[in-house]
Amino acid sequence: MKLIFDGREIEIPERRIRVKELLRKLNADELYFLVIDRKKGRLLTSDEVVKEDDDVEIKSTISWG
């Protein structure tokens, strides 16, 4: 599965994974990251499942600028 994590494209071996498990795997705290379904233009909740054909972006909620 390919996805965009904080501005860079990464790949993980899973075909399906819950959002909360995905964030845990990436060491990304749910409080500081948003998971966005780019096809549907909406935020995903922690219990939703991401599939390998989804277009997902994970963005930080903290700005360091």
N, C-alpha and C. Protein backbone atom coordinates (compact mmCIF):
# COMPACT_ATOMS: atom_id res chain seq x y z
N MET A 1 0.84 -1.17 0.00
CA MET A 1 0.00 0.00 0.00
C MET A 1 0.89 1.24 0.00
N LYS A 2 0.60 2.16 -0.91
CA LYS A 2 1.32 3.41 -0.96
C LYS A 2 0.47 4.51 -0.36
N LEU A 3 1.11 5.42 0.35
CA LEU A 3 0.41 6.55 0.92
C LEU A 3 1.38 7.71 1.11
N ILE A 4 0.83 8.87 1.39
CA ILE A 4 1.66 10.05 1.63
C ILE A 4 1.64 10.30 3.12
N PHE A 5 2.83 10.31 3.71
CA PHE A 5 2.98 10.52 5.15
C PHE A 5 3.82 11.77 5.39
N ASP A 6 3.17 12.80 5.87
CA ASP A 6 3.83 14.07 6.20
C ASP A 6 4.68 14.60 5.03
N GLY A 7 4.09 14.53 3.83
CA GLY A 7 4.72 15.13 2.65
C GLY A 7 5.57 14.21 1.80
N ARG A 8 5.79 12.97 2.24
CA ARG A 8 6.60 12.06 1.43
C ARG A 8 5.85 10.75 1.19
N GLU A 9 6.08 10.17 0.03
CA GLU A 9 5.40 8.92 -0.31
C GLU A 9 6.13 7.76 0.34
N ILE A 10 5.36 6.90 1.00
CA ILE A 10 5.93 5.71 1.62
C ILE A 10 5.10 4.51 1.20
N GLU A 11 5.64 3.33 1.45
CA GLU A 11 4.93 2.10 1.13
C GLU A 11 4.98 1.18 2.34
N ILE A 12 3.83 0.56 2.64
CA ILE A 12 3.76 -0.43 3.71
C ILE A 12 3.22 -1.72 3.11
N PRO A 13 3.54 -2.87 3.70
CA PRO A 13 3.16 -4.16 3.08
C PRO A 13 1.69 -4.55 3.20
N GLU A 14 0.93 -3.90 4.07
CA GLU A 14 -0.47 -4.29 4.30
C GLU A 14 -1.36 -3.96 3.10
N ARG A 15 -2.41 -4.78 2.92
CA ARG A 15 -3.42 -4.52 1.90
C ARG A 15 -4.63 -3.82 2.50
N ARG A 16 -4.87 -4.09 3.79
CA ARG A 16 -5.97 -3.48 4.54
C ARG A 16 -5.46 -3.24 5.95
N ILE A 17 -5.80 -2.08 6.51
CA ILE A 17 -5.37 -1.79 7.88
C ILE A 17 -6.28 -0.71 8.46
N ARG A 18 -6.61 -0.84 9.73
CA ARG A 18 -7.39 0.20 10.40
C ARG A 18 -6.52 1.44 10.60
N VAL A 19 -7.15 2.59 10.57
CA VAL A 19 -6.43 3.86 10.69
C VAL A 19 -5.60 3.89 11.97
N LYS A 20 -6.18 3.47 13.10
CA LYS A 20 -5.43 3.52 14.36
C LYS A 20 -4.21 2.60 14.32
N GLU A 21 -4.32 1.45 13.65
CA GLU A 21 -3.18 0.54 13.53
C GLU A 21 -2.12 1.12 12.58
N LEU A 22 -2.57 1.78 11.53
CA LEU A 22 -1.66 2.43 10.59
C LEU A 22 -0.84 3.50 11.30
N LEU A 23 -1.51 4.34 12.07
CA LEU A 23 -0.80 5.39 12.79
C LEU A 23 0.18 4.80 13.81
N ARG A 24 -0.24 3.74 14.49
CA ARG A 24 0.64 3.08 15.46
C ARG A 24 1.88 2.52 14.76
N LYS A 25 1.67 1.91 13.60
CA LYS A 25 2.78 1.34 12.83
C LYS A 25 3.78 2.43 12.40
N LEU A 26 3.28 3.63 12.14
CA LEU A 26 4.13 4.74 11.71
C LEU A 26 4.64 5.57 12.90
N ASN A 27 4.35 5.11 14.12
CA ASN A 27 4.73 5.86 15.33
C ASN A 27 4.18 7.28 15.30
N ALA A 28 2.95 7.41 14.83
CA ALA A 28 2.30 8.71 14.71
C ALA A 28 1.10 8.75 15.66
N ASP A 29 1.14 9.64 16.63
CA ASP A 29 0.08 9.77 17.62
C ASP A 29 -1.19 10.33 16.98
N GLU A 30 -2.33 9.72 17.30
CA GLU A 30 -3.63 10.16 16.75
C GLU A 30 -3.93 11.62 17.06
N LEU A 31 -3.37 12.15 18.13
CA LEU A 31 -3.62 13.54 18.50
C LEU A 31 -2.91 14.53 17.58
N TYR A 32 -1.87 14.08 16.91
CA TYR A 32 -1.04 14.99 16.13
C TYR A 32 -1.06 14.76 14.63
N PHE A 33 -1.85 13.78 14.18
CA PHE A 33 -1.91 13.48 12.74
C PHE A 33 -3.34 13.28 12.28
N LEU A 34 -3.65 13.77 11.08
CA LEU A 34 -4.94 13.56 10.44
C LEU A 34 -4.75 12.59 9.29
N VAL A 35 -5.71 11.70 9.11
CA VAL A 35 -5.68 10.77 7.99
C VAL A 35 -6.80 11.19 7.04
N ILE A 36 -6.42 11.48 5.80
CA ILE A 36 -7.34 12.06 4.83
C ILE A 36 -7.52 11.11 3.65
N ASP A 37 -8.77 10.85 3.29
CA ASP A 37 -9.09 10.12 2.06
C ASP A 37 -9.14 11.16 0.96
N ARG A 38 -8.14 11.19 0.10
CA ARG A 38 -8.04 12.25 -0.91
C ARG A 38 -9.07 12.07 -2.02
N LYS A 39 -9.53 10.85 -2.30
CA LYS A 39 -10.55 10.63 -3.33
C LYS A 39 -11.90 11.21 -2.90
N LYS A 40 -12.25 10.99 -1.64
CA LYS A 40 -13.55 11.44 -1.12
C LYS A 40 -13.48 12.81 -0.46
N GLY A 41 -12.26 13.29 -0.21
CA GLY A 41 -12.08 14.60 0.39
C GLY A 41 -12.60 14.69 1.81
N ARG A 42 -12.31 13.67 2.62
CA ARG A 42 -12.79 13.68 4.00
C ARG A 42 -11.77 13.05 4.95
N LEU A 43 -11.91 13.39 6.22
CA LEU A 43 -11.07 12.81 7.25
C LEU A 43 -11.56 11.41 7.58
N LEU A 44 -10.63 10.52 7.91
CA LEU A 44 -10.98 9.17 8.31
C LEU A 44 -10.88 9.05 9.82
N THR A 45 -11.80 8.31 10.41
CA THR A 45 -11.76 8.07 11.86
C THR A 45 -10.84 6.90 12.16
N SER A 46 -10.47 6.76 13.41
CA SER A 46 -9.50 5.74 13.81
C SER A 46 -9.99 4.31 13.58
N ASP A 47 -11.31 4.09 13.52
CA ASP A 47 -11.84 2.74 13.33
C ASP A 47 -12.06 2.36 11.87
N GLU A 48 -11.89 3.31 10.96
CA GLU A 48 -12.10 3.00 9.54
C GLU A 48 -10.93 2.19 8.97
N VAL A 49 -11.23 1.44 7.93
CA VAL A 49 -10.22 0.59 7.29
C VAL A 49 -9.74 1.27 6.01
N VAL A 50 -8.41 1.28 5.85
CA VAL A 50 -7.78 1.80 4.65
C VAL A 50 -7.39 0.60 3.80
N LYS A 51 -7.73 0.64 2.51
CA LYS A 51 -7.39 -0.44 1.59
C LYS A 51 -6.31 0.02 0.62
N GLU A 52 -5.63 -0.93 -0.01
CA GLU A 52 -4.48 -0.59 -0.84
C GLU A 52 -4.82 0.27 -2.05
N ASP A 53 -6.08 0.29 -2.50
CA ASP A 53 -6.43 1.13 -3.65
C ASP A 53 -6.94 2.51 -3.23
N ASP A 54 -6.97 2.80 -1.92
CA ASP A 54 -7.38 4.12 -1.43
C ASP A 54 -6.24 5.12 -1.64
N ASP A 55 -6.59 6.37 -1.77
CA ASP A 55 -5.61 7.45 -1.92
C ASP A 55 -5.59 8.20 -0.59
N VAL A 56 -4.60 7.87 0.25
CA VAL A 56 -4.57 8.36 1.62
C VAL A 56 -3.37 9.26 1.86
N GLU A 57 -3.63 10.33 2.62
CA GLU A 57 -2.55 11.23 3.03
C GLU A 57 -2.65 11.41 4.54
N ILE A 58 -1.50 11.35 5.19
CA ILE A 58 -1.42 11.56 6.64
C ILE A 58 -0.66 12.85 6.85
N LYS A 59 -1.33 13.82 7.53
CA LYS A 59 -0.72 15.14 7.73
C LYS A 59 -0.61 15.44 9.22
N SER A 60 0.46 16.12 9.56
CA SER A 60 0.67 16.57 10.92
C SER A 60 -0.26 17.73 11.22
N THR A 61 -0.76 17.77 12.46
CA THR A 61 -1.60 18.89 12.87
C THR A 61 -0.77 20.01 13.49
N ILE A 62 0.53 19.78 13.62
CA ILE A 62 1.43 20.76 14.23
C ILE A 62 2.26 21.44 13.15
N SER A 63 2.30 22.74 13.22
CA SER A 63 3.12 23.50 12.28
C SER A 63 4.39 23.95 12.98
N TRP A 64 5.52 23.66 12.38
CA TRP A 64 6.81 24.01 12.99
C TRP A 64 7.36 25.32 12.44
N GLY A 65 6.57 26.03 11.63
CA GLY A 65 7.05 27.23 10.95
C GLY A 65 6.91 28.45 11.72
